[in-house]
Amino acid sequence: MTEYAEIRCEQPLAHPPAAVWTALTDPELHARWWAGGDVRPVVGHRFTLDMGDWGVQPCEVTAVEPGRLLSYRFAEGSLDTTITWRLEQEGEGTRLFLEHTGFDLDTPAGKQAYRGMSVGWPQVLGRIDAVLAGRT
């Protein structure tokens, strides 16, 4: 029986949801805090993310609620996971929620990715604030 794992993180940001949404969906900003690629908030849009040493990963957008939710399949054909971003207004800022689901812990690649991304995601999310504040 296959065991699947998920990563859940959240990050408070001192920026309104519209700015955070732009960071998630504008390829230029996206490349500054995480990975380069032609991400767009359009269901069915296929794109790749350049993950450096981990290669170029194919993705497909599966759900969009403008300004509130973006979900896409990530690393199709290898990890076959799903990344979902959810934004909630919190005062004048935003609380950003990340769910990265579908890690197959019965495979070496799935285990390695889960371990690495469990540590890596909180660091990645922390970079969004600096990009939006114009510090990077």
N, C-alpha and C. Protein backbone atom coordinates (compact mmCIF):
# COMPACT_ATOMS: atom_id res chain seq x y z
N MET A 1 0.85 -1.18 0.00
CA MET A 1 0.00 0.00 0.00
C MET A 1 0.89 1.24 0.00
N THR A 2 0.64 2.16 -0.89
CA THR A 2 1.46 3.36 -1.01
C THR A 2 1.11 4.35 0.08
N GLU A 3 2.16 4.91 0.67
CA GLU A 3 1.98 5.94 1.70
C GLU A 3 2.33 7.29 1.09
N TYR A 4 1.39 8.22 1.16
CA TYR A 4 1.61 9.55 0.63
C TYR A 4 1.73 10.54 1.78
N ALA A 5 2.56 11.55 1.58
CA ALA A 5 2.78 12.55 2.63
C ALA A 5 2.51 13.94 2.07
N GLU A 6 2.33 14.87 2.97
CA GLU A 6 2.08 16.25 2.57
C GLU A 6 2.84 17.21 3.47
N ILE A 7 3.09 18.37 2.93
CA ILE A 7 3.74 19.45 3.67
C ILE A 7 2.74 20.59 3.74
N ARG A 8 2.58 21.16 4.91
CA ARG A 8 1.71 22.32 5.10
C ARG A 8 2.50 23.40 5.81
N CYS A 9 2.46 24.59 5.24
CA CYS A 9 3.14 25.74 5.82
C CYS A 9 2.22 26.94 5.72
N GLU A 10 2.48 27.92 6.55
CA GLU A 10 1.80 29.19 6.40
C GLU A 10 2.76 30.31 6.74
N GLN A 11 2.53 31.45 6.11
CA GLN A 11 3.44 32.58 6.26
C GLN A 11 2.62 33.86 6.34
N PRO A 12 2.74 34.61 7.45
CA PRO A 12 2.10 35.93 7.48
C PRO A 12 2.97 36.90 6.68
N LEU A 13 2.32 37.72 5.87
CA LEU A 13 3.04 38.69 5.05
C LEU A 13 2.41 40.06 5.25
N ALA A 14 3.24 41.07 5.33
CA ALA A 14 2.77 42.44 5.57
C ALA A 14 2.42 43.13 4.26
N HIS A 15 1.79 42.40 3.36
CA HIS A 15 1.42 42.92 2.05
C HIS A 15 0.00 42.46 1.76
N PRO A 16 -0.78 43.27 1.04
CA PRO A 16 -2.17 42.89 0.74
C PRO A 16 -2.23 41.67 -0.18
N PRO A 17 -3.36 40.96 -0.16
CA PRO A 17 -3.49 39.77 -1.00
C PRO A 17 -3.19 40.02 -2.47
N ALA A 18 -3.55 41.17 -3.01
CA ALA A 18 -3.29 41.43 -4.44
C ALA A 18 -1.79 41.40 -4.73
N ALA A 19 -0.98 41.92 -3.82
CA ALA A 19 0.47 41.91 -4.03
C ALA A 19 1.02 40.49 -3.91
N VAL A 20 0.53 39.73 -2.96
CA VAL A 20 0.98 38.35 -2.78
C VAL A 20 0.56 37.51 -3.99
N TRP A 21 -0.66 37.73 -4.48
CA TRP A 21 -1.13 37.02 -5.67
C TRP A 21 -0.19 37.29 -6.85
N THR A 22 0.23 38.54 -7.00
CA THR A 22 1.15 38.89 -8.07
C THR A 22 2.48 38.15 -7.91
N ALA A 23 2.96 38.03 -6.68
CA ALA A 23 4.21 37.29 -6.44
C ALA A 23 4.09 35.83 -6.84
N LEU A 24 2.89 35.27 -6.68
CA LEU A 24 2.66 33.87 -7.03
C LEU A 24 2.45 33.65 -8.53
N THR A 25 2.00 34.69 -9.24
CA THR A 25 1.56 34.49 -10.62
C THR A 25 2.32 35.30 -11.67
N ASP A 26 3.18 36.19 -11.25
CA ASP A 26 3.99 36.96 -12.20
C ASP A 26 5.34 36.25 -12.36
N PRO A 27 5.65 35.77 -13.57
CA PRO A 27 6.89 34.99 -13.74
C PRO A 27 8.15 35.70 -13.26
N GLU A 28 8.25 37.00 -13.48
CA GLU A 28 9.46 37.72 -13.05
C GLU A 28 9.60 37.73 -11.53
N LEU A 29 8.51 38.04 -10.83
CA LEU A 29 8.58 38.02 -9.36
C LEU A 29 8.77 36.60 -8.83
N HIS A 30 8.06 35.65 -9.43
CA HIS A 30 8.15 34.24 -9.00
C HIS A 30 9.60 33.76 -9.05
N ALA A 31 10.31 34.14 -10.11
CA ALA A 31 11.71 33.73 -10.26
C ALA A 31 12.60 34.33 -9.18
N ARG A 32 12.21 35.46 -8.64
CA ARG A 32 13.04 36.12 -7.62
C ARG A 32 12.92 35.48 -6.24
N TRP A 33 11.78 34.85 -5.94
CA TRP A 33 11.65 34.23 -4.62
C TRP A 33 11.70 32.70 -4.65
N TRP A 34 11.47 32.10 -5.83
CA TRP A 34 11.54 30.63 -5.87
C TRP A 34 12.18 30.11 -7.14
N ALA A 35 11.44 30.04 -8.24
CA ALA A 35 11.96 29.39 -9.45
C ALA A 35 11.45 30.10 -10.70
N GLY A 36 12.29 30.13 -11.71
CA GLY A 36 11.90 30.72 -12.98
C GLY A 36 10.97 29.81 -13.74
N GLY A 37 10.00 30.41 -14.41
CA GLY A 37 9.07 29.64 -15.23
C GLY A 37 7.89 30.49 -15.62
N ASP A 38 7.15 30.03 -16.59
CA ASP A 38 6.02 30.78 -17.15
C ASP A 38 4.72 30.46 -16.41
N VAL A 39 4.72 30.65 -15.10
CA VAL A 39 3.51 30.41 -14.31
C VAL A 39 2.46 31.45 -14.67
N ARG A 40 1.21 31.00 -14.85
CA ARG A 40 0.08 31.88 -15.12
C ARG A 40 -1.16 31.29 -14.47
N PRO A 41 -2.03 32.13 -13.93
CA PRO A 41 -3.22 31.62 -13.25
C PRO A 41 -4.37 31.30 -14.22
N VAL A 42 -4.16 30.28 -15.04
CA VAL A 42 -5.14 29.86 -16.04
C VAL A 42 -5.26 28.33 -15.95
N VAL A 43 -6.44 27.84 -15.61
CA VAL A 43 -6.62 26.39 -15.50
C VAL A 43 -6.26 25.74 -16.84
N GLY A 44 -5.46 24.69 -16.76
CA GLY A 44 -5.00 23.97 -17.94
C GLY A 44 -3.68 24.47 -18.49
N HIS A 45 -3.20 25.61 -17.99
CA HIS A 45 -1.92 26.15 -18.46
C HIS A 45 -0.80 25.21 -18.05
N ARG A 46 0.01 24.82 -19.03
CA ARG A 46 1.19 23.98 -18.76
C ARG A 46 2.41 24.88 -18.80
N PHE A 47 3.29 24.66 -17.83
CA PHE A 47 4.51 25.46 -17.74
C PHE A 47 5.59 24.62 -17.08
N THR A 48 6.80 25.13 -17.06
CA THR A 48 7.88 24.46 -16.36
C THR A 48 8.47 25.42 -15.33
N LEU A 49 9.04 24.85 -14.30
CA LEU A 49 9.78 25.61 -13.29
C LEU A 49 11.22 25.11 -13.30
N ASP A 50 12.16 26.03 -13.38
CA ASP A 50 13.58 25.70 -13.38
C ASP A 50 14.05 25.58 -11.94
N MET A 51 14.27 24.35 -11.51
CA MET A 51 14.63 24.07 -10.12
C MET A 51 16.14 23.89 -9.95
N GLY A 52 16.92 24.49 -10.83
CA GLY A 52 18.38 24.45 -10.70
C GLY A 52 18.91 23.03 -10.75
N ASP A 53 19.58 22.62 -9.69
CA ASP A 53 20.19 21.29 -9.63
C ASP A 53 19.17 20.15 -9.77
N TRP A 54 17.90 20.43 -9.50
CA TRP A 54 16.86 19.40 -9.57
C TRP A 54 16.17 19.39 -10.92
N GLY A 55 16.64 20.22 -11.85
CA GLY A 55 16.13 20.19 -13.22
C GLY A 55 14.88 21.02 -13.45
N VAL A 56 14.44 20.97 -14.67
CA VAL A 56 13.24 21.69 -15.09
C VAL A 56 12.04 20.77 -14.84
N GLN A 57 11.07 21.26 -14.09
CA GLN A 57 9.94 20.43 -13.69
C GLN A 57 8.65 20.86 -14.40
N PRO A 58 7.98 19.94 -15.08
CA PRO A 58 6.72 20.26 -15.74
C PRO A 58 5.58 20.41 -14.73
N CYS A 59 4.70 21.37 -15.02
CA CYS A 59 3.57 21.67 -14.14
C CYS A 59 2.33 21.93 -14.98
N GLU A 60 1.16 21.81 -14.35
CA GLU A 60 -0.10 22.16 -15.00
C GLU A 60 -1.05 22.73 -13.95
N VAL A 61 -1.60 23.91 -14.25
CA VAL A 61 -2.53 24.57 -13.34
C VAL A 61 -3.84 23.78 -13.32
N THR A 62 -4.33 23.48 -12.11
CA THR A 62 -5.54 22.68 -11.96
C THR A 62 -6.70 23.44 -11.33
N ALA A 63 -6.40 24.53 -10.61
CA ALA A 63 -7.48 25.30 -9.98
C ALA A 63 -7.02 26.74 -9.77
N VAL A 64 -7.95 27.66 -10.02
CA VAL A 64 -7.67 29.08 -9.83
C VAL A 64 -8.92 29.75 -9.26
N GLU A 65 -8.74 30.50 -8.20
CA GLU A 65 -9.73 31.45 -7.71
C GLU A 65 -8.95 32.76 -7.60
N PRO A 66 -9.08 33.64 -8.59
CA PRO A 66 -8.23 34.83 -8.64
C PRO A 66 -8.12 35.56 -7.30
N GLY A 67 -6.86 35.78 -6.92
CA GLY A 67 -6.58 36.48 -5.67
C GLY A 67 -6.73 35.63 -4.42
N ARG A 68 -7.17 34.38 -4.57
CA ARG A 68 -7.42 33.55 -3.38
C ARG A 68 -6.76 32.17 -3.41
N LEU A 69 -6.69 31.52 -4.59
CA LEU A 69 -6.21 30.14 -4.64
C LEU A 69 -5.58 29.84 -5.99
N LEU A 70 -4.44 29.17 -5.93
CA LEU A 70 -3.76 28.69 -7.13
C LEU A 70 -3.25 27.29 -6.82
N SER A 71 -3.59 26.34 -7.69
CA SER A 71 -3.15 24.96 -7.49
C SER A 71 -2.62 24.41 -8.80
N TYR A 72 -1.51 23.67 -8.71
CA TYR A 72 -0.96 23.05 -9.91
C TYR A 72 -0.25 21.76 -9.59
N ARG A 73 -0.30 20.87 -10.59
CA ARG A 73 0.49 19.65 -10.50
C ARG A 73 1.94 20.05 -10.66
N PHE A 74 2.82 19.42 -9.90
CA PHE A 74 4.23 19.77 -9.90
C PHE A 74 5.06 18.52 -10.17
N ALA A 75 6.05 18.67 -11.04
CA ALA A 75 6.99 17.59 -11.37
C ALA A 75 6.25 16.37 -11.91
N GLU A 76 5.39 16.64 -12.89
CA GLU A 76 4.63 15.57 -13.52
C GLU A 76 5.59 14.56 -14.15
N GLY A 77 5.33 13.30 -13.91
CA GLY A 77 6.16 12.25 -14.47
C GLY A 77 7.30 11.82 -13.58
N SER A 78 7.56 12.57 -12.52
CA SER A 78 8.61 12.15 -11.58
C SER A 78 8.03 12.15 -10.16
N LEU A 79 7.88 13.29 -9.53
CA LEU A 79 7.29 13.33 -8.19
C LEU A 79 5.77 13.22 -8.23
N ASP A 80 5.16 13.82 -9.25
CA ASP A 80 3.70 13.81 -9.38
C ASP A 80 3.02 14.29 -8.10
N THR A 81 3.38 15.49 -7.68
CA THR A 81 2.78 16.08 -6.49
C THR A 81 1.91 17.27 -6.90
N THR A 82 1.22 17.84 -5.92
CA THR A 82 0.36 19.00 -6.16
C THR A 82 0.72 20.10 -5.16
N ILE A 83 0.86 21.32 -5.68
CA ILE A 83 1.13 22.49 -4.85
C ILE A 83 -0.11 23.37 -4.89
N THR A 84 -0.60 23.75 -3.72
CA THR A 84 -1.76 24.63 -3.62
C THR A 84 -1.42 25.80 -2.73
N TRP A 85 -1.64 27.00 -3.27
CA TRP A 85 -1.44 28.25 -2.54
C TRP A 85 -2.82 28.82 -2.22
N ARG A 86 -3.02 29.23 -0.97
CA ARG A 86 -4.27 29.86 -0.56
C ARG A 86 -3.94 31.14 0.19
N LEU A 87 -4.64 32.22 -0.13
CA LEU A 87 -4.39 33.51 0.48
C LEU A 87 -5.60 33.94 1.30
N GLU A 88 -5.35 34.45 2.50
CA GLU A 88 -6.41 35.01 3.33
C GLU A 88 -5.96 36.37 3.82
N GLN A 89 -6.84 37.35 3.66
CA GLN A 89 -6.52 38.67 4.17
C GLN A 89 -6.46 38.60 5.69
N GLU A 90 -5.46 39.27 6.24
CA GLU A 90 -5.26 39.29 7.69
C GLU A 90 -4.88 40.72 8.05
N GLY A 91 -5.86 41.50 8.52
CA GLY A 91 -5.61 42.91 8.76
C GLY A 91 -5.32 43.58 7.43
N GLU A 92 -4.21 44.30 7.36
CA GLU A 92 -3.81 44.92 6.10
C GLU A 92 -2.86 44.02 5.31
N GLY A 93 -2.54 42.86 5.87
CA GLY A 93 -1.63 41.93 5.22
C GLY A 93 -2.34 40.68 4.73
N THR A 94 -1.55 39.63 4.58
CA THR A 94 -2.04 38.36 4.04
C THR A 94 -1.42 37.21 4.81
N ARG A 95 -2.20 36.19 5.04
CA ARG A 95 -1.66 34.92 5.52
C ARG A 95 -1.67 33.99 4.31
N LEU A 96 -0.48 33.53 3.96
CA LEU A 96 -0.31 32.65 2.81
C LEU A 96 -0.18 31.22 3.31
N PHE A 97 -1.01 30.34 2.77
CA PHE A 97 -0.99 28.92 3.12
C PHE A 97 -0.47 28.13 1.93
N LEU A 98 0.39 27.18 2.21
CA LEU A 98 0.92 26.27 1.19
C LEU A 98 0.60 24.85 1.60
N GLU A 99 0.10 24.08 0.64
CA GLU A 99 -0.04 22.63 0.80
C GLU A 99 0.69 22.00 -0.37
N HIS A 100 1.64 21.15 -0.06
CA HIS A 100 2.35 20.40 -1.10
C HIS A 100 2.06 18.93 -0.79
N THR A 101 1.24 18.30 -1.62
CA THR A 101 0.71 16.97 -1.32
C THR A 101 1.15 15.95 -2.37
N GLY A 102 1.04 14.68 -1.97
CA GLY A 102 1.23 13.58 -2.91
C GLY A 102 2.61 12.97 -2.94
N PHE A 103 3.45 13.24 -1.95
CA PHE A 103 4.80 12.64 -1.92
C PHE A 103 4.68 11.14 -1.68
N ASP A 104 5.19 10.35 -2.58
CA ASP A 104 5.15 8.90 -2.46
C ASP A 104 6.34 8.44 -1.62
N LEU A 105 6.09 8.16 -0.35
CA LEU A 105 7.17 7.78 0.57
C LEU A 105 7.65 6.35 0.36
N ASP A 106 7.03 5.63 -0.56
CA ASP A 106 7.49 4.28 -0.89
C ASP A 106 8.59 4.29 -1.95
N THR A 107 8.95 5.48 -2.44
CA THR A 107 10.02 5.60 -3.43
C THR A 107 11.17 6.42 -2.86
N PRO A 108 12.40 6.13 -3.24
CA PRO A 108 13.54 6.92 -2.77
C PRO A 108 13.41 8.41 -3.16
N ALA A 109 12.98 8.67 -4.39
CA ALA A 109 12.85 10.07 -4.84
C ALA A 109 11.77 10.80 -4.04
N GLY A 110 10.68 10.11 -3.76
CA GLY A 110 9.60 10.72 -2.97
C GLY A 110 10.05 11.04 -1.56
N LYS A 111 10.76 10.09 -0.94
CA LYS A 111 11.28 10.32 0.42
C LYS A 111 12.26 11.48 0.44
N GLN A 112 13.18 11.51 -0.52
CA GLN A 112 14.20 12.56 -0.55
C GLN A 112 13.55 13.93 -0.78
N ALA A 113 12.61 14.00 -1.70
CA ALA A 113 11.94 15.27 -1.99
C ALA A 113 11.15 15.73 -0.76
N TYR A 114 10.46 14.82 -0.12
CA TYR A 114 9.67 15.18 1.07
C TYR A 114 10.58 15.73 2.17
N ARG A 115 11.68 15.04 2.43
CA ARG A 115 12.60 15.52 3.47
C ARG A 115 13.16 16.90 3.11
N GLY A 116 13.63 17.04 1.89
CA GLY A 116 14.23 18.31 1.47
C GLY A 116 13.24 19.45 1.45
N MET A 117 12.04 19.21 0.93
CA MET A 117 11.05 20.28 0.83
C MET A 117 10.42 20.60 2.18
N SER A 118 10.40 19.65 3.10
CA SER A 118 9.90 19.95 4.45
C SER A 118 10.75 21.03 5.11
N VAL A 119 12.04 20.99 4.85
CA VAL A 119 12.96 21.99 5.38
C VAL A 119 12.98 23.23 4.48
N GLY A 120 12.92 23.01 3.18
CA GLY A 120 13.07 24.10 2.22
C GLY A 120 11.89 25.04 2.10
N TRP A 121 10.67 24.51 2.17
CA TRP A 121 9.51 25.37 1.97
C TRP A 121 9.44 26.55 2.94
N PRO A 122 9.63 26.37 4.23
CA PRO A 122 9.58 27.55 5.12
C PRO A 122 10.60 28.62 4.72
N GLN A 123 11.76 28.21 4.26
CA GLN A 123 12.77 29.17 3.82
C GLN A 123 12.32 29.90 2.55
N VAL A 124 11.74 29.16 1.62
CA VAL A 124 11.26 29.75 0.37
C VAL A 124 10.16 30.77 0.67
N LEU A 125 9.20 30.40 1.51
CA LEU A 125 8.11 31.31 1.83
C LEU A 125 8.61 32.59 2.48
N GLY A 126 9.67 32.48 3.25
CA GLY A 126 10.24 33.66 3.90
C GLY A 126 10.81 34.66 2.91
N ARG A 127 11.14 34.22 1.70
CA ARG A 127 11.71 35.13 0.70
C ARG A 127 10.68 36.00 0.01
N ILE A 128 9.41 35.61 0.06
CA ILE A 128 8.37 36.38 -0.61
C ILE A 128 8.29 37.79 -0.04
N ASP A 129 8.34 37.92 1.27
CA ASP A 129 8.25 39.24 1.90
C ASP A 129 9.36 40.16 1.41
N ALA A 130 10.58 39.66 1.34
CA ALA A 130 11.71 40.48 0.89
C ALA A 130 11.53 40.94 -0.55
N VAL A 131 11.01 40.05 -1.41
CA VAL A 131 10.78 40.42 -2.81
C VAL A 131 9.72 41.50 -2.89
N LEU A 132 8.61 41.33 -2.17
CA LEU A 132 7.54 42.31 -2.22
C LEU A 132 7.94 43.65 -1.61
N ALA A 133 8.85 43.62 -0.66
CA ALA A 133 9.32 44.86 -0.05
C ALA A 133 10.42 45.51 -0.86
N GLY A 134 10.82 44.86 -1.95
CA GLY A 134 11.85 45.42 -2.82
C GLY A 134 13.26 45.29 -2.28
N ARG A 135 13.46 44.34 -1.38
CA ARG A 135 14.79 44.15 -0.79
C ARG A 135 15.65 43.18 -1.58
N THR A 136 15.09 42.53 -2.60
CA THR A 136 15.90 41.62 -3.41
C THR A 136 15.68 41.89 -4.88
